Amino acid sequence: MTRSRAFHRFHRWTAKLRRRSLRNALPEPREGELQAIHPKQDVRCREWQRDQLKDWLEPEALERAS
């Protein structure tokens, strides 16, 4: 392999690595990727809020019933 060919192959390879690392650092989904409908953290937070609201409303419902 000639020196110039090796030089260009090396730079193409490093550019590919650089693009790959930049692509991985992006937070938004890329074209063709499946994305979660609801991220796990949002689901956990929403369920925790529902549970807290349910616990808060139960004593009021018991007071009304008595």
N, C-alpha and C. Protein backbone atom coordinates (compact mmCIF):
# COMPACT_ATOMS: atom_id res chain seq x y z
N MET A 1 0.85 -1.17 0.00
CA MET A 1 0.00 0.00 0.00
C MET A 1 0.90 1.24 0.00
N THR A 2 0.59 2.16 -0.86
CA THR A 2 1.42 3.36 -0.95
C THR A 2 1.19 4.24 0.26
N ARG A 3 2.10 5.15 0.43
CA ARG A 3 2.05 6.04 1.58
C ARG A 3 0.80 6.93 1.53
N SER A 4 0.47 7.50 0.38
CA SER A 4 -0.69 8.39 0.29
C SER A 4 -2.00 7.62 0.51
N ARG A 5 -2.05 6.39 0.00
CA ARG A 5 -3.27 5.59 0.20
C ARG A 5 -3.45 5.29 1.68
N ALA A 6 -2.40 4.92 2.35
CA ALA A 6 -2.46 4.64 3.79
C ALA A 6 -2.86 5.91 4.56
N PHE A 7 -2.32 7.03 4.14
CA PHE A 7 -2.63 8.31 4.78
C PHE A 7 -4.12 8.61 4.68
N HIS A 8 -4.68 8.47 3.49
CA HIS A 8 -6.09 8.76 3.27
C HIS A 8 -7.00 7.76 3.99
N ARG A 9 -6.61 6.50 3.99
CA ARG A 9 -7.40 5.50 4.71
C ARG A 9 -7.43 5.80 6.20
N PHE A 10 -6.28 6.20 6.73
CA PHE A 10 -6.22 6.53 8.16
C PHE A 10 -7.14 7.70 8.48
N HIS A 11 -7.13 8.73 7.65
CA HIS A 11 -7.97 9.90 7.92
C HIS A 11 -9.46 9.59 7.71
N ARG A 12 -9.79 8.73 6.78
CA ARG A 12 -11.19 8.31 6.63
C ARG A 12 -11.64 7.53 7.87
N TRP A 13 -10.75 6.69 8.38
CA TRP A 13 -11.06 5.89 9.56
C TRP A 13 -11.26 6.79 10.79
N THR A 14 -10.36 7.77 10.98
CA THR A 14 -10.51 8.66 12.14
C THR A 14 -11.76 9.53 12.00
N ALA A 15 -12.10 9.94 10.78
CA ALA A 15 -13.32 10.73 10.58
C ALA A 15 -14.54 9.89 10.90
N LYS A 16 -14.51 8.62 10.54
CA LYS A 16 -15.62 7.72 10.84
C LYS A 16 -15.78 7.57 12.35
N LEU A 17 -14.68 7.41 13.06
CA LEU A 17 -14.75 7.31 14.53
C LEU A 17 -15.29 8.60 15.14
N ARG A 18 -14.85 9.73 14.62
CA ARG A 18 -15.31 11.03 15.12
C ARG A 18 -16.81 11.19 14.89
N ARG A 19 -17.29 10.85 13.70
CA ARG A 19 -18.72 10.95 13.41
C ARG A 19 -19.53 10.02 14.31
N ARG A 20 -19.03 8.83 14.51
CA ARG A 20 -19.72 7.86 15.36
C ARG A 20 -19.84 8.38 16.80
N SER A 21 -18.75 8.94 17.33
CA SER A 21 -18.80 9.45 18.70
C SER A 21 -19.72 10.65 18.81
N LEU A 22 -19.73 11.52 17.79
CA LEU A 22 -20.64 12.66 17.82
C LEU A 22 -22.08 12.20 17.72
N ARG A 23 -22.36 11.21 16.89
CA ARG A 23 -23.71 10.68 16.74
C ARG A 23 -24.19 10.09 18.06
N ASN A 24 -23.32 9.41 18.76
CA ASN A 24 -23.70 8.81 20.05
C ASN A 24 -23.94 9.84 21.12
N ALA A 25 -23.34 11.02 20.99
CA ALA A 25 -23.49 12.06 22.00
C ALA A 25 -24.80 12.83 21.84
N LEU A 26 -25.46 12.71 20.69
CA LEU A 26 -26.69 13.45 20.46
C LEU A 26 -27.84 12.85 21.27
N PRO A 27 -28.65 13.68 21.93
CA PRO A 27 -29.74 13.15 22.73
C PRO A 27 -30.96 12.75 21.91
N GLU A 28 -31.21 13.37 20.76
CA GLU A 28 -32.41 13.06 20.00
C GLU A 28 -32.23 11.77 19.21
N PRO A 29 -33.33 11.07 18.98
CA PRO A 29 -33.24 9.82 18.22
C PRO A 29 -32.88 10.09 16.76
N ARG A 30 -32.17 9.16 16.19
CA ARG A 30 -31.78 9.29 14.79
C ARG A 30 -32.81 8.64 13.90
N GLU A 31 -32.78 8.95 12.63
CA GLU A 31 -33.74 8.41 11.68
C GLU A 31 -33.66 6.89 11.67
N GLY A 32 -34.81 6.26 11.72
CA GLY A 32 -34.87 4.82 11.68
C GLY A 32 -34.80 4.15 13.04
N GLU A 33 -34.56 4.91 14.10
CA GLU A 33 -34.49 4.33 15.44
C GLU A 33 -35.85 4.35 16.10
N LEU A 34 -36.13 3.32 16.86
CA LEU A 34 -37.36 3.30 17.63
C LEU A 34 -37.14 4.13 18.88
N GLN A 35 -38.14 4.88 19.25
CA GLN A 35 -38.01 5.67 20.47
C GLN A 35 -39.12 5.29 21.44
N ALA A 36 -38.81 5.40 22.70
CA ALA A 36 -39.78 5.05 23.73
C ALA A 36 -40.91 6.06 23.73
N ILE A 37 -42.12 5.56 23.90
CA ILE A 37 -43.28 6.46 23.94
C ILE A 37 -43.22 7.30 25.22
N HIS A 38 -42.95 6.64 26.32
CA HIS A 38 -42.82 7.33 27.61
C HIS A 38 -41.50 6.90 28.23
N PRO A 39 -40.58 7.82 28.40
CA PRO A 39 -39.32 7.45 29.06
C PRO A 39 -39.58 6.92 30.48
N LYS A 40 -38.73 6.03 30.91
CA LYS A 40 -38.91 5.35 32.20
C LYS A 40 -39.06 6.34 33.36
N GLN A 41 -38.23 7.37 33.36
CA GLN A 41 -38.25 8.32 34.47
C GLN A 41 -39.60 9.04 34.53
N ASP A 42 -40.17 9.40 33.38
CA ASP A 42 -41.46 10.06 33.36
C ASP A 42 -42.56 9.15 33.89
N VAL A 43 -42.51 7.88 33.51
CA VAL A 43 -43.52 6.92 33.98
C VAL A 43 -43.41 6.75 35.49
N ARG A 44 -42.19 6.61 35.99
CA ARG A 44 -42.00 6.46 37.45
C ARG A 44 -42.53 7.69 38.19
N CYS A 45 -42.20 8.86 37.69
CA CYS A 45 -42.63 10.10 38.34
C CYS A 45 -44.15 10.22 38.34
N ARG A 46 -44.77 9.92 37.21
CA ARG A 46 -46.23 10.01 37.10
C ARG A 46 -46.91 9.01 38.04
N GLU A 47 -46.40 7.78 38.09
CA GLU A 47 -46.99 6.77 38.98
C GLU A 47 -46.80 7.15 40.44
N TRP A 48 -45.66 7.72 40.78
CA TRP A 48 -45.42 8.16 42.15
C TRP A 48 -46.40 9.27 42.51
N GLN A 49 -46.64 10.21 41.58
CA GLN A 49 -47.58 11.29 41.84
C GLN A 49 -49.00 10.76 42.01
N ARG A 50 -49.39 9.78 41.18
CA ARG A 50 -50.72 9.18 41.32
C ARG A 50 -50.88 8.49 42.67
N ASP A 51 -49.83 7.80 43.09
CA ASP A 51 -49.88 7.10 44.37
C ASP A 51 -49.99 8.10 45.52
N GLN A 52 -49.24 9.19 45.46
CA GLN A 52 -49.31 10.21 46.50
C GLN A 52 -50.68 10.87 46.53
N LEU A 53 -51.24 11.15 45.36
CA LEU A 53 -52.56 11.76 45.29
C LEU A 53 -53.63 10.82 45.85
N LYS A 54 -53.50 9.53 45.53
CA LYS A 54 -54.44 8.53 46.04
C LYS A 54 -54.38 8.48 47.57
N ASP A 55 -53.16 8.48 48.13
CA ASP A 55 -53.01 8.46 49.59
C ASP A 55 -53.58 9.73 50.22
N TRP A 56 -53.48 10.84 49.54
CA TRP A 56 -53.95 12.11 50.07
C TRP A 56 -55.48 12.18 50.02
N LEU A 57 -56.07 11.57 48.98
CA LEU A 57 -57.52 11.64 48.82
C LEU A 57 -58.26 10.61 49.67
N GLU A 58 -57.65 9.51 50.04
CA GLU A 58 -58.33 8.47 50.81
C GLU A 58 -58.88 8.96 52.15
N PRO A 59 -58.15 9.71 52.95
CA PRO A 59 -58.72 10.18 54.24
C PRO A 59 -59.95 11.07 54.03
N GLU A 60 -59.97 11.88 52.99
CA GLU A 60 -61.13 12.74 52.74
C GLU A 60 -62.34 11.90 52.39
N ALA A 61 -62.16 10.85 51.60
CA ALA A 61 -63.26 9.98 51.23
C ALA A 61 -63.80 9.24 52.46
N LEU A 62 -62.92 8.85 53.38
CA LEU A 62 -63.37 8.17 54.60
C LEU A 62 -64.15 9.12 55.50
N GLU A 63 -63.74 10.39 55.56
CA GLU A 63 -64.44 11.38 56.37
C GLU A 63 -65.85 11.62 55.84
N ARG A 64 -65.98 11.67 54.52
CA ARG A 64 -67.30 11.89 53.92
C ARG A 64 -68.23 10.70 54.16
N ALA A 65 -67.67 9.51 54.15
CA ALA A 65 -68.49 8.31 54.33
C ALA A 65 -69.02 8.18 55.75
N SER A 66 -68.30 8.74 56.73
CA SER A 66 -68.76 8.58 58.11
C SER A 66 -69.70 9.67 58.57
